[in-house]
N, C-alpha and C. Protein backbone atom coordinates (compact mmCIF):
# COMPACT_ATOMS: atom_id res chain seq x y z
N MET A 1 110.62 121.53 111.21
CA MET A 1 109.48 120.77 110.71
C MET A 1 108.21 121.55 111.06
N ARG A 2 107.29 121.60 110.11
CA ARG A 2 106.01 122.29 110.31
C ARG A 2 104.89 121.26 110.30
N ILE A 3 104.07 121.27 111.35
CA ILE A 3 103.04 120.25 111.53
C ILE A 3 101.68 120.90 111.72
N LEU A 4 100.66 120.29 111.06
CA LEU A 4 99.28 120.71 111.26
C LEU A 4 98.57 119.62 112.06
N VAL A 5 97.98 120.00 113.19
CA VAL A 5 97.19 119.08 114.01
C VAL A 5 95.73 119.44 113.78
N ILE A 6 94.94 118.45 113.32
CA ILE A 6 93.50 118.65 113.12
C ILE A 6 92.80 117.78 114.15
N GLU A 7 92.36 118.42 115.23
CA GLU A 7 91.78 117.72 116.39
C GLU A 7 90.72 118.62 117.02
N ASP A 8 89.50 118.08 117.16
CA ASP A 8 88.41 118.91 117.69
C ASP A 8 88.34 118.95 119.21
N ASP A 9 88.93 117.99 119.90
CA ASP A 9 88.93 118.00 121.36
C ASP A 9 90.02 118.98 121.83
N PRO A 10 89.63 120.08 122.47
CA PRO A 10 90.62 121.10 122.84
C PRO A 10 91.72 120.57 123.76
N THR A 11 91.37 119.69 124.67
CA THR A 11 92.37 119.15 125.60
C THR A 11 93.39 118.29 124.85
N VAL A 12 92.90 117.37 124.04
CA VAL A 12 93.79 116.50 123.27
C VAL A 12 94.62 117.33 122.29
N GLY A 13 93.97 118.26 121.59
CA GLY A 13 94.67 119.11 120.63
C GLY A 13 95.82 119.88 121.25
N GLN A 14 95.55 120.51 122.39
CA GLN A 14 96.60 121.28 123.06
C GLN A 14 97.72 120.38 123.59
N TYR A 15 97.35 119.20 124.07
CA TYR A 15 98.33 118.24 124.58
C TYR A 15 99.28 117.81 123.46
N VAL A 16 98.72 117.45 122.31
CA VAL A 16 99.53 117.03 121.15
C VAL A 16 100.40 118.20 120.68
N LYS A 17 99.80 119.37 120.59
CA LYS A 17 100.52 120.57 120.12
C LYS A 17 101.71 120.87 121.03
N ARG A 18 101.49 120.89 122.34
CA ARG A 18 102.58 121.17 123.29
C ARG A 18 103.67 120.11 123.21
N GLY A 19 103.27 118.85 123.10
CA GLY A 19 104.25 117.78 123.01
C GLY A 19 105.15 117.91 121.79
N LEU A 20 104.56 118.28 120.67
CA LEU A 20 105.35 118.46 119.45
C LEU A 20 106.22 119.71 119.52
N GLU A 21 105.70 120.76 120.12
CA GLU A 21 106.46 122.00 120.26
C GLU A 21 107.66 121.82 121.19
N GLU A 22 107.58 120.89 122.13
CA GLU A 22 108.73 120.61 122.99
C GLU A 22 109.93 120.11 122.19
N HIS A 23 109.66 119.57 121.00
CA HIS A 23 110.73 119.12 120.11
C HIS A 23 111.14 120.23 119.14
N ARG A 24 110.66 121.44 119.43
CA ARG A 24 110.97 122.65 118.65
C ARG A 24 110.42 122.59 117.23
N TRP A 25 109.28 121.96 117.06
CA TRP A 25 108.60 121.94 115.78
C TRP A 25 107.53 123.01 115.77
N ALA A 26 107.29 123.61 114.61
CA ALA A 26 106.23 124.60 114.46
C ALA A 26 104.91 123.86 114.29
N VAL A 27 103.94 124.15 115.14
CA VAL A 27 102.68 123.41 115.14
C VAL A 27 101.50 124.37 115.06
N ASP A 28 100.60 124.09 114.10
CA ASP A 28 99.33 124.81 114.01
C ASP A 28 98.24 123.83 114.39
N LEU A 29 97.19 124.35 115.02
CA LEU A 29 96.09 123.52 115.49
C LEU A 29 94.78 124.05 114.94
N THR A 30 93.97 123.17 114.38
CA THR A 30 92.63 123.53 113.95
C THR A 30 91.68 122.44 114.42
N ALA A 31 90.41 122.84 114.66
CA ALA A 31 89.46 121.90 115.25
C ALA A 31 88.36 121.47 114.29
N ASP A 32 88.46 121.81 113.02
CA ASP A 32 87.41 121.54 112.06
C ASP A 32 87.98 120.83 110.83
N GLY A 33 87.29 119.80 110.34
CA GLY A 33 87.76 119.03 109.19
C GLY A 33 87.91 119.85 107.93
N GLU A 34 86.92 120.68 107.62
CA GLU A 34 86.98 121.49 106.40
C GLU A 34 88.13 122.50 106.46
N GLU A 35 88.27 123.17 107.59
CA GLU A 35 89.37 124.13 107.77
C GLU A 35 90.72 123.41 107.71
N GLY A 36 90.81 122.25 108.33
CA GLY A 36 92.04 121.48 108.31
C GLY A 36 92.43 121.08 106.90
N GLU A 37 91.46 120.62 106.13
CA GLU A 37 91.73 120.24 104.74
C GLU A 37 92.22 121.44 103.93
N ARG A 38 91.54 122.58 104.11
CA ARG A 38 91.94 123.79 103.38
C ARG A 38 93.38 124.19 103.71
N ARG A 39 93.71 124.16 104.99
CA ARG A 39 95.07 124.55 105.40
C ARG A 39 96.12 123.55 104.92
N ALA A 40 95.81 122.26 105.03
CA ALA A 40 96.76 121.23 104.57
C ALA A 40 97.01 121.35 103.07
N SER A 41 95.96 121.72 102.32
CA SER A 41 96.08 121.84 100.87
C SER A 41 96.82 123.10 100.44
N SER A 42 96.70 124.16 101.22
CA SER A 42 97.22 125.45 100.76
C SER A 42 98.52 125.89 101.44
N GLU A 43 98.88 125.27 102.55
CA GLU A 43 100.09 125.66 103.26
C GLU A 43 101.10 124.52 103.25
N ALA A 44 102.36 124.84 103.44
CA ALA A 44 103.44 123.85 103.33
C ALA A 44 103.72 123.17 104.67
N TYR A 45 102.98 122.10 104.94
CA TYR A 45 103.21 121.31 106.16
C TYR A 45 104.02 120.07 105.81
N ASP A 46 104.89 119.67 106.74
CA ASP A 46 105.68 118.45 106.56
C ASP A 46 104.93 117.22 107.02
N LEU A 47 103.95 117.42 107.92
CA LEU A 47 103.20 116.33 108.51
C LEU A 47 101.84 116.84 108.95
N VAL A 48 100.82 115.99 108.84
CA VAL A 48 99.50 116.31 109.34
C VAL A 48 99.13 115.25 110.37
N VAL A 49 98.69 115.68 111.55
CA VAL A 49 98.16 114.79 112.58
C VAL A 49 96.65 114.96 112.52
N LEU A 50 95.93 113.89 112.20
CA LEU A 50 94.52 113.98 111.85
C LEU A 50 93.65 113.09 112.73
N ASP A 51 92.70 113.72 113.41
CA ASP A 51 91.69 112.98 114.18
C ASP A 51 90.64 112.45 113.19
N MET A 52 90.04 111.32 113.47
CA MET A 52 89.05 110.75 112.57
C MET A 52 87.65 111.32 112.79
N ARG A 53 87.34 111.74 114.00
CA ARG A 53 86.00 112.28 114.29
C ARG A 53 86.09 113.79 114.44
N LEU A 54 85.67 114.47 113.38
CA LEU A 54 85.77 115.92 113.34
C LEU A 54 84.45 116.54 112.93
N PRO A 55 84.18 117.77 113.37
CA PRO A 55 83.00 118.47 112.87
C PRO A 55 83.28 119.02 111.47
N GLY A 56 82.23 119.21 110.70
CA GLY A 56 82.37 119.77 109.36
C GLY A 56 82.64 118.71 108.33
N LYS A 57 83.70 117.98 108.50
CA LYS A 57 84.10 116.91 107.59
C LYS A 57 84.90 115.90 108.39
N SER A 58 84.54 114.63 108.27
CA SER A 58 85.23 113.61 109.08
C SER A 58 86.69 113.49 108.65
N GLY A 59 87.50 112.95 109.53
CA GLY A 59 88.91 112.75 109.24
C GLY A 59 89.14 111.88 108.02
N ILE A 60 88.33 110.83 107.86
CA ILE A 60 88.51 109.94 106.70
C ILE A 60 88.17 110.67 105.41
N GLU A 61 87.16 111.54 105.46
CA GLU A 61 86.82 112.35 104.28
C GLU A 61 87.94 113.33 103.96
N VAL A 62 88.52 113.94 104.98
CA VAL A 62 89.65 114.85 104.78
C VAL A 62 90.82 114.10 104.16
N LEU A 63 91.14 112.95 104.71
CA LEU A 63 92.26 112.15 104.22
C LEU A 63 92.05 111.76 102.76
N HIS A 64 90.87 111.24 102.42
CA HIS A 64 90.60 110.82 101.04
C HIS A 64 90.65 112.01 100.09
N SER A 65 90.12 113.12 100.52
CA SER A 65 90.12 114.32 99.68
C SER A 65 91.55 114.83 99.45
N LEU A 66 92.35 114.86 100.49
CA LEU A 66 93.74 115.29 100.35
C LEU A 66 94.51 114.37 99.41
N ARG A 67 94.35 113.08 99.59
CA ARG A 67 95.06 112.12 98.73
C ARG A 67 94.60 112.24 97.28
N ALA A 68 93.30 112.46 97.07
CA ALA A 68 92.77 112.62 95.71
C ALA A 68 93.34 113.86 95.03
N LYS A 69 93.69 114.87 95.83
CA LYS A 69 94.28 116.10 95.29
C LYS A 69 95.79 115.98 95.09
N GLY A 70 96.36 114.80 95.41
CA GLY A 70 97.79 114.59 95.22
C GLY A 70 98.64 114.90 96.43
N PHE A 71 98.03 115.09 97.58
CA PHE A 71 98.76 115.36 98.83
C PHE A 71 99.51 114.10 99.23
N GLU A 72 100.85 114.15 99.23
CA GLU A 72 101.66 112.95 99.48
C GLU A 72 102.45 113.00 100.78
N ARG A 73 102.33 114.08 101.52
CA ARG A 73 103.08 114.16 102.77
C ARG A 73 102.47 113.21 103.81
N PRO A 74 103.24 112.83 104.82
CA PRO A 74 102.73 111.88 105.81
C PRO A 74 101.55 112.42 106.60
N VAL A 75 100.61 111.51 106.92
CA VAL A 75 99.46 111.83 107.75
C VAL A 75 99.43 110.82 108.89
N LEU A 76 99.49 111.33 110.11
CA LEU A 76 99.41 110.49 111.29
C LEU A 76 97.96 110.52 111.76
N VAL A 77 97.31 109.36 111.80
CA VAL A 77 95.89 109.27 112.12
C VAL A 77 95.71 109.00 113.61
N LEU A 78 94.90 109.86 114.26
CA LEU A 78 94.52 109.66 115.65
C LEU A 78 93.09 109.17 115.68
N THR A 79 92.85 108.08 116.39
CA THR A 79 91.48 107.59 116.49
C THR A 79 91.30 106.76 117.75
N ALA A 80 90.11 106.87 118.31
CA ALA A 80 89.74 106.02 119.43
C ALA A 80 89.02 104.78 118.93
N GLN A 81 88.77 104.72 117.63
CA GLN A 81 88.07 103.58 117.04
C GLN A 81 89.00 102.37 117.04
N ASP A 82 88.48 101.23 117.46
CA ASP A 82 89.31 100.03 117.45
C ASP A 82 88.86 99.04 116.39
N ALA A 83 87.87 99.39 115.60
CA ALA A 83 87.37 98.50 114.56
C ALA A 83 88.41 98.36 113.45
N VAL A 84 88.69 97.13 113.05
CA VAL A 84 89.67 96.86 112.00
C VAL A 84 89.26 97.53 110.69
N ASP A 85 87.97 97.50 110.35
CA ASP A 85 87.51 98.10 109.10
C ASP A 85 87.85 99.59 109.03
N ALA A 86 87.71 100.30 110.13
CA ALA A 86 88.01 101.73 110.15
C ALA A 86 89.50 101.96 109.90
N LYS A 87 90.33 101.12 110.47
CA LYS A 87 91.78 101.25 110.28
C LYS A 87 92.16 100.93 108.84
N VAL A 88 91.59 99.89 108.29
CA VAL A 88 91.89 99.50 106.91
C VAL A 88 91.46 100.61 105.96
N THR A 89 90.28 101.18 106.18
CA THR A 89 89.79 102.26 105.33
C THR A 89 90.75 103.44 105.35
N ALA A 90 91.30 103.76 106.50
CA ALA A 90 92.21 104.89 106.60
C ALA A 90 93.56 104.61 105.96
N LEU A 91 94.01 103.35 105.94
CA LEU A 91 95.36 103.02 105.48
C LEU A 91 95.43 102.45 104.05
N ARG A 92 94.46 102.02 103.36
CA ARG A 92 94.71 101.21 102.18
C ARG A 92 94.56 101.90 100.83
N ALA A 93 94.42 103.20 100.77
CA ALA A 93 94.41 104.01 99.54
C ALA A 93 93.44 103.50 98.48
N GLY A 94 92.46 102.71 98.86
CA GLY A 94 91.45 102.24 97.92
C GLY A 94 91.94 101.18 96.95
N GLU A 95 93.16 100.73 97.10
CA GLU A 95 93.71 99.72 96.19
C GLU A 95 93.66 98.35 96.85
N ARG A 96 93.19 97.38 96.09
CA ARG A 96 93.21 96.01 96.56
C ARG A 96 94.37 95.30 95.89
N ILE A 97 95.20 94.64 96.68
CA ILE A 97 96.36 93.93 96.15
C ILE A 97 96.19 92.45 96.46
N GLU A 98 96.10 91.65 95.42
CA GLU A 98 95.95 90.21 95.58
C GLU A 98 97.32 89.56 95.80
N LEU A 99 97.46 88.84 96.90
CA LEU A 99 98.71 88.16 97.23
C LEU A 99 98.48 86.67 97.36
N THR A 100 99.50 85.89 96.99
CA THR A 100 99.45 84.45 97.25
C THR A 100 99.71 84.26 98.74
N PRO A 101 99.41 83.08 99.28
CA PRO A 101 99.68 82.86 100.71
C PRO A 101 101.15 83.08 101.09
N LYS A 102 102.09 82.65 100.26
CA LYS A 102 103.51 82.85 100.57
C LYS A 102 103.91 84.31 100.48
N GLU A 103 103.38 85.04 99.50
CA GLU A 103 103.66 86.47 99.40
C GLU A 103 103.15 87.18 100.64
N TYR A 104 101.96 86.83 101.07
CA TYR A 104 101.37 87.43 102.26
C TYR A 104 102.24 87.12 103.49
N THR A 105 102.66 85.88 103.62
CA THR A 105 103.48 85.47 104.78
C THR A 105 104.79 86.24 104.82
N VAL A 106 105.46 86.36 103.67
CA VAL A 106 106.73 87.09 103.62
C VAL A 106 106.51 88.57 103.92
N LEU A 107 105.46 89.17 103.34
CA LEU A 107 105.16 90.58 103.59
C LEU A 107 104.82 90.81 105.06
N GLU A 108 104.03 89.91 105.63
CA GLU A 108 103.68 90.02 107.05
C GLU A 108 104.93 89.96 107.92
N TYR A 109 105.84 89.05 107.61
CA TYR A 109 107.07 88.91 108.37
C TYR A 109 107.91 90.19 108.30
N LEU A 110 108.04 90.74 107.10
CA LEU A 110 108.80 91.99 106.94
C LEU A 110 108.11 93.14 107.68
N ALA A 111 106.77 93.17 107.63
CA ALA A 111 106.02 94.23 108.31
C ALA A 111 106.16 94.13 109.82
N ARG A 112 106.16 92.92 110.34
CA ARG A 112 106.33 92.73 111.79
C ARG A 112 107.71 93.19 112.27
N HIS A 113 108.66 93.19 111.34
CA HIS A 113 110.03 93.59 111.66
C HIS A 113 110.43 94.82 110.85
N ALA A 114 109.47 95.70 110.57
CA ALA A 114 109.73 96.89 109.75
C ALA A 114 110.91 97.67 110.30
N GLY A 115 111.77 98.08 109.39
CA GLY A 115 112.95 98.85 109.77
C GLY A 115 114.15 97.99 110.11
N ARG A 116 113.95 96.68 110.29
CA ARG A 116 115.05 95.76 110.58
C ARG A 116 115.35 94.91 109.35
N VAL A 117 116.61 94.73 109.05
CA VAL A 117 117.01 93.91 107.91
C VAL A 117 116.83 92.45 108.28
N MET A 118 116.05 91.73 107.45
CA MET A 118 115.80 90.32 107.70
C MET A 118 116.54 89.50 106.64
N SER A 119 117.32 88.53 107.09
CA SER A 119 118.11 87.72 106.17
C SER A 119 117.23 86.74 105.41
N ARG A 120 117.73 86.24 104.30
CA ARG A 120 117.02 85.23 103.52
C ARG A 120 116.77 83.98 104.38
N THR A 121 117.74 83.65 105.23
CA THR A 121 117.60 82.49 106.12
C THR A 121 116.40 82.66 107.04
N LEU A 122 116.30 83.79 107.70
CA LEU A 122 115.18 84.03 108.62
C LEU A 122 113.85 84.03 107.88
N ILE A 123 113.80 84.66 106.71
CA ILE A 123 112.56 84.69 105.93
C ILE A 123 112.15 83.29 105.51
N THR A 124 113.12 82.49 105.05
CA THR A 124 112.83 81.12 104.62
C THR A 124 112.32 80.28 105.77
N GLU A 125 112.98 80.38 106.91
CA GLU A 125 112.55 79.60 108.07
C GLU A 125 111.15 79.98 108.51
N TYR A 126 110.81 81.26 108.44
CA TYR A 126 109.48 81.70 108.85
C TYR A 126 108.42 81.27 107.84
N ALA A 127 108.66 81.55 106.57
CA ALA A 127 107.64 81.35 105.54
C ALA A 127 107.50 79.90 105.10
N TRP A 128 108.61 79.16 105.06
CA TRP A 128 108.55 77.79 104.55
C TRP A 128 108.82 76.74 105.63
N GLY A 129 109.28 77.19 106.78
CA GLY A 129 109.48 76.27 107.89
C GLY A 129 110.66 75.32 107.74
N TYR A 130 111.63 75.69 106.93
CA TYR A 130 112.82 74.86 106.84
C TYR A 130 114.05 75.73 106.75
N HIS A 131 115.21 75.08 106.98
CA HIS A 131 116.46 75.84 106.96
C HIS A 131 116.83 76.25 105.55
N PHE A 132 117.52 77.34 105.47
CA PHE A 132 117.87 77.95 104.20
C PHE A 132 118.82 77.08 103.40
N ASP A 133 118.49 76.89 102.14
CA ASP A 133 119.37 76.21 101.19
C ASP A 133 120.03 77.31 100.38
N PRO A 134 121.34 77.50 100.51
CA PRO A 134 122.00 78.61 99.82
C PRO A 134 121.85 78.56 98.29
N GLY A 135 121.45 77.43 97.77
CA GLY A 135 121.29 77.30 96.32
C GLY A 135 119.93 77.74 95.82
N THR A 136 119.00 78.02 96.71
CA THR A 136 117.65 78.39 96.28
C THR A 136 117.49 79.91 96.23
N ASN A 137 116.68 80.33 95.29
CA ASN A 137 116.40 81.77 95.18
C ASN A 137 114.92 82.04 95.43
N ILE A 138 114.26 81.16 96.16
CA ILE A 138 112.82 81.26 96.40
C ILE A 138 112.44 82.58 97.08
N VAL A 139 113.24 83.03 98.03
CA VAL A 139 112.95 84.29 98.71
C VAL A 139 113.05 85.45 97.72
N ASP A 140 114.08 85.43 96.89
CA ASP A 140 114.26 86.49 95.89
C ASP A 140 113.08 86.53 94.92
N VAL A 141 112.58 85.37 94.53
CA VAL A 141 111.44 85.30 93.61
C VAL A 141 110.20 85.92 94.26
N VAL A 142 109.92 85.55 95.49
CA VAL A 142 108.73 86.07 96.19
C VAL A 142 108.87 87.58 96.41
N ILE A 143 110.05 88.04 96.80
CA ILE A 143 110.28 89.48 96.99
C ILE A 143 110.07 90.22 95.67
N ASN A 144 110.55 89.64 94.59
CA ASN A 144 110.37 90.25 93.27
C ASN A 144 108.89 90.39 92.92
N ARG A 145 108.11 89.35 93.18
CA ARG A 145 106.67 89.40 92.90
C ARG A 145 105.97 90.43 93.80
N LEU A 146 106.39 90.50 95.07
CA LEU A 146 105.82 91.50 95.98
C LEU A 146 106.12 92.92 95.48
N ARG A 147 107.34 93.14 95.04
CA ARG A 147 107.70 94.47 94.53
C ARG A 147 106.84 94.85 93.33
N LYS A 148 106.60 93.90 92.45
CA LYS A 148 105.77 94.18 91.27
C LYS A 148 104.35 94.55 91.67
N LYS A 149 103.85 93.92 92.71
CA LYS A 149 102.47 94.17 93.15
C LYS A 149 102.35 95.41 94.03
N ILE A 150 103.36 95.69 94.84
CA ILE A 150 103.27 96.76 95.83
C ILE A 150 103.99 98.04 95.40
N ASP A 151 105.20 97.89 94.90
CA ASP A 151 106.05 99.06 94.63
C ASP A 151 105.98 99.60 93.21
N GLN A 152 105.56 98.78 92.27
CA GLN A 152 105.60 99.20 90.87
C GLN A 152 104.73 100.44 90.63
N GLY A 153 105.31 101.42 89.96
CA GLY A 153 104.59 102.64 89.65
C GLY A 153 104.54 103.65 90.79
N LYS A 154 105.14 103.31 91.92
CA LYS A 154 105.16 104.22 93.07
C LYS A 154 106.53 104.88 93.16
N GLU A 155 106.52 106.14 93.53
CA GLU A 155 107.79 106.86 93.66
C GLU A 155 108.59 106.34 94.86
N ALA A 156 107.93 106.17 95.99
CA ALA A 156 108.60 105.68 97.20
C ALA A 156 108.48 104.16 97.25
N ARG A 157 109.58 103.49 97.40
CA ARG A 157 109.60 102.03 97.48
C ARG A 157 109.42 101.58 98.92
N LEU A 158 108.75 100.44 99.10
CA LEU A 158 108.48 99.90 100.42
C LEU A 158 109.49 98.83 100.81
N ILE A 159 109.85 97.98 99.86
CA ILE A 159 110.76 96.85 100.12
C ILE A 159 112.13 97.19 99.56
N HIS A 160 113.15 97.12 100.43
CA HIS A 160 114.52 97.47 100.03
C HIS A 160 115.44 96.27 100.21
N THR A 161 116.41 96.15 99.31
CA THR A 161 117.44 95.11 99.41
C THR A 161 118.66 95.70 100.08
N ILE A 162 119.18 94.97 101.05
CA ILE A 162 120.45 95.33 101.66
C ILE A 162 121.43 94.27 101.17
N ARG A 163 122.22 94.66 100.20
CA ARG A 163 123.09 93.72 99.48
C ARG A 163 123.95 92.88 100.43
N GLY A 164 123.88 91.59 100.22
CA GLY A 164 124.67 90.65 101.02
C GLY A 164 124.09 90.36 102.40
N VAL A 165 122.96 91.01 102.74
CA VAL A 165 122.39 90.81 104.07
C VAL A 165 120.97 90.28 104.00
N GLY A 166 120.08 91.01 103.28
CA GLY A 166 118.70 90.57 103.21
C GLY A 166 117.79 91.67 102.75
N TYR A 167 116.58 91.71 103.31
CA TYR A 167 115.55 92.66 102.89
C TYR A 167 115.00 93.40 104.10
N VAL A 168 114.52 94.63 103.82
CA VAL A 168 113.94 95.44 104.88
C VAL A 168 112.73 96.17 104.32
N LEU A 169 111.71 96.30 105.14
CA LEU A 169 110.51 97.03 104.77
C LEU A 169 110.56 98.36 105.50
N ARG A 170 110.57 99.44 104.72
CA ARG A 170 110.52 100.77 105.33
C ARG A 170 109.87 101.74 104.34
N PRO A 171 109.05 102.62 104.89
CA PRO A 171 108.35 103.59 104.03
C PRO A 171 109.28 104.63 103.46
């Protein structure tokens, strides 16, 4: 795996670089936003570790610019900012998705248990507060609507069906 770390603090940058290299990954380090964007765009990295506060060009500007150019590889964001708005700006790709309260509740439940398969029974009990009726397809309907709003037109699907078991959210 080849990783680019874009971090202007030399101590933090070297710490992250050494930690990744201990896993035998090839790691390049740059301390400038503009240089980091150029390298991420022109070289074949599997992952970018990106600080938000950088000289030259901020991390959020680098991220938006890379995504606008079609850069689809994973980006791990490092930030000391704890403001929710800053986190949302970094994660939401500029798209607003309108959800009903039940869609939001089901998506939140799957997100809280990302990577774990959640049964229809568990989802029903959480979202509707009652025990599962095997004759109802309410969970399937809500999952279907979520897929249309979230996954449609995207190459990578977020919500997966595990046949006979339930649903799982994984990138």
